[in-house]
Amino acid sequence: MATEREKKISEFYRQEFIRHRSRLEHQRTFFVEQTYEEIESVLDKIIHEMDKISQVNNFEELASHLLYRIDTVTSLSTSQIDPSYRVH
């Protein structure tokens, strides 16, 4: 059973991935449809299975790595459009 701290960390990462999902939606026109759908599918899976993913031993390291990888696609952390959407 997850502790309160683990639940908060899991929810934090879930919200970060949701923000990346939103950013991806705004960038849809820049992707080939199949590529967009593949990235969207991965993000949806991560978001929906976050509680399960959070149970692995190195969860924070794994989530951080996944977030970094997704950020290379969405560039959310370097966005100048709206700072409230930044990851870092």
Protein backbone atom coordinates (compact mmCIF):
# COMPACT_ATOMS: atom_id res chain seq x y z
CA MET A 1 0.00 0.00 0.00
CA ALA A 2 1.32 3.41 -0.97
CA THR A 3 2.20 5.95 1.68
CA GLU A 4 0.80 9.48 1.57
CA ARG A 5 4.17 10.74 0.31
CA GLU A 6 4.21 8.16 -2.49
CA LYS A 7 0.66 9.13 -3.49
CA LYS A 8 1.63 12.81 -3.65
CA ILE A 9 4.71 12.05 -5.76
CA SER A 10 2.65 9.84 -8.06
CA GLU A 11 0.03 12.58 -8.46
CA PHE A 12 2.72 15.18 -9.12
CA TYR A 13 4.14 13.12 -11.98
CA ARG A 14 0.66 12.33 -13.31
CA GLN A 15 -0.08 16.07 -13.50
CA GLU A 16 3.24 16.71 -15.27
CA PHE A 17 2.42 14.10 -17.89
CA ILE A 18 -1.05 15.59 -18.30
CA ARG A 19 0.57 18.96 -18.98
CA HIS A 20 2.79 17.37 -21.61
CA ARG A 21 -0.28 15.71 -23.13
CA SER A 22 -1.96 19.11 -23.39
CA ARG A 23 1.14 20.61 -24.96
CA LEU A 24 1.27 17.74 -27.44
CA GLU A 25 -2.33 18.42 -28.46
CA HIS A 26 -1.37 22.00 -29.30
CA GLN A 27 1.51 20.72 -31.44
CA ARG A 28 -0.55 18.15 -33.31
CA THR A 29 -0.24 19.89 -36.69
CA PHE A 30 3.54 19.51 -36.55
CA PHE A 31 3.41 15.71 -36.42
CA VAL A 32 2.58 13.03 -38.92
CA GLU A 33 -0.71 11.54 -37.69
CA GLN A 34 0.74 8.10 -36.94
CA THR A 35 3.60 9.59 -34.93
CA TYR A 36 1.21 11.80 -33.00
CA GLU A 37 -1.04 8.84 -32.19
CA GLU A 38 1.91 6.76 -31.00
CA ILE A 39 3.15 9.50 -28.68
CA GLU A 40 -0.39 10.17 -27.47
CA SER A 41 -0.89 6.48 -26.75
CA VAL A 42 2.31 6.30 -24.70
CA LEU A 43 1.36 9.39 -22.69
CA ASP A 44 -2.15 8.08 -22.06
CA LYS A 45 -0.77 4.76 -20.87
CA ILE A 46 1.68 6.47 -18.50
CA ILE A 47 -1.05 8.75 -17.13
CA HIS A 48 -3.58 5.95 -16.63
CA GLU A 49 -1.08 3.52 -15.12
CA MET A 50 0.77 5.99 -12.90
CA ASP A 51 -0.36 4.29 -9.69
CA LYS A 52 0.97 0.98 -10.97
CA ILE A 53 4.21 2.54 -12.23
CA SER A 54 4.71 4.27 -8.88
CA GLN A 55 5.11 0.89 -7.21
CA VAL A 56 8.46 0.10 -8.84
CA ASN A 57 11.53 0.50 -6.64
CA ASN A 58 13.14 3.30 -8.61
CA PHE A 59 9.88 5.10 -9.43
CA GLU A 60 11.12 8.68 -9.05
CA GLU A 61 14.15 8.00 -11.22
CA LEU A 62 11.99 6.22 -13.81
CA ALA A 63 9.31 8.93 -13.84
CA SER A 64 11.94 11.65 -14.12
CA HIS A 65 13.56 9.84 -17.04
CA LEU A 66 10.20 9.36 -18.81
CA LEU A 67 9.38 13.02 -18.27
CA TYR A 68 12.73 14.03 -19.72
CA ARG A 69 12.13 11.83 -22.78
CA ILE A 70 8.64 13.24 -23.34
CA ASP A 71 9.99 16.76 -22.89
CA THR A 72 12.37 16.21 -25.80
CA VAL A 73 9.23 15.83 -27.93
CA THR A 74 7.02 18.56 -26.47
CA SER A 75 9.73 21.04 -25.37
CA LEU A 76 7.41 22.08 -22.56
CA SER A 77 10.22 22.92 -20.14
CA THR A 78 11.71 25.46 -22.55
CA SER A 79 8.43 26.95 -23.70
CA GLN A 80 8.23 30.72 -23.76
CA ILE A 81 4.48 30.73 -24.47
CA ASP A 82 3.12 30.30 -20.98
CA PRO A 83 5.54 29.77 -18.06
CA SER A 84 2.81 28.11 -15.98
CA TYR A 85 3.06 25.12 -18.30
CA ARG A 86 6.75 24.61 -17.69
CA VAL A 87 7.93 21.39 -16.09
CA HIS A 88 10.90 22.79 -14.19
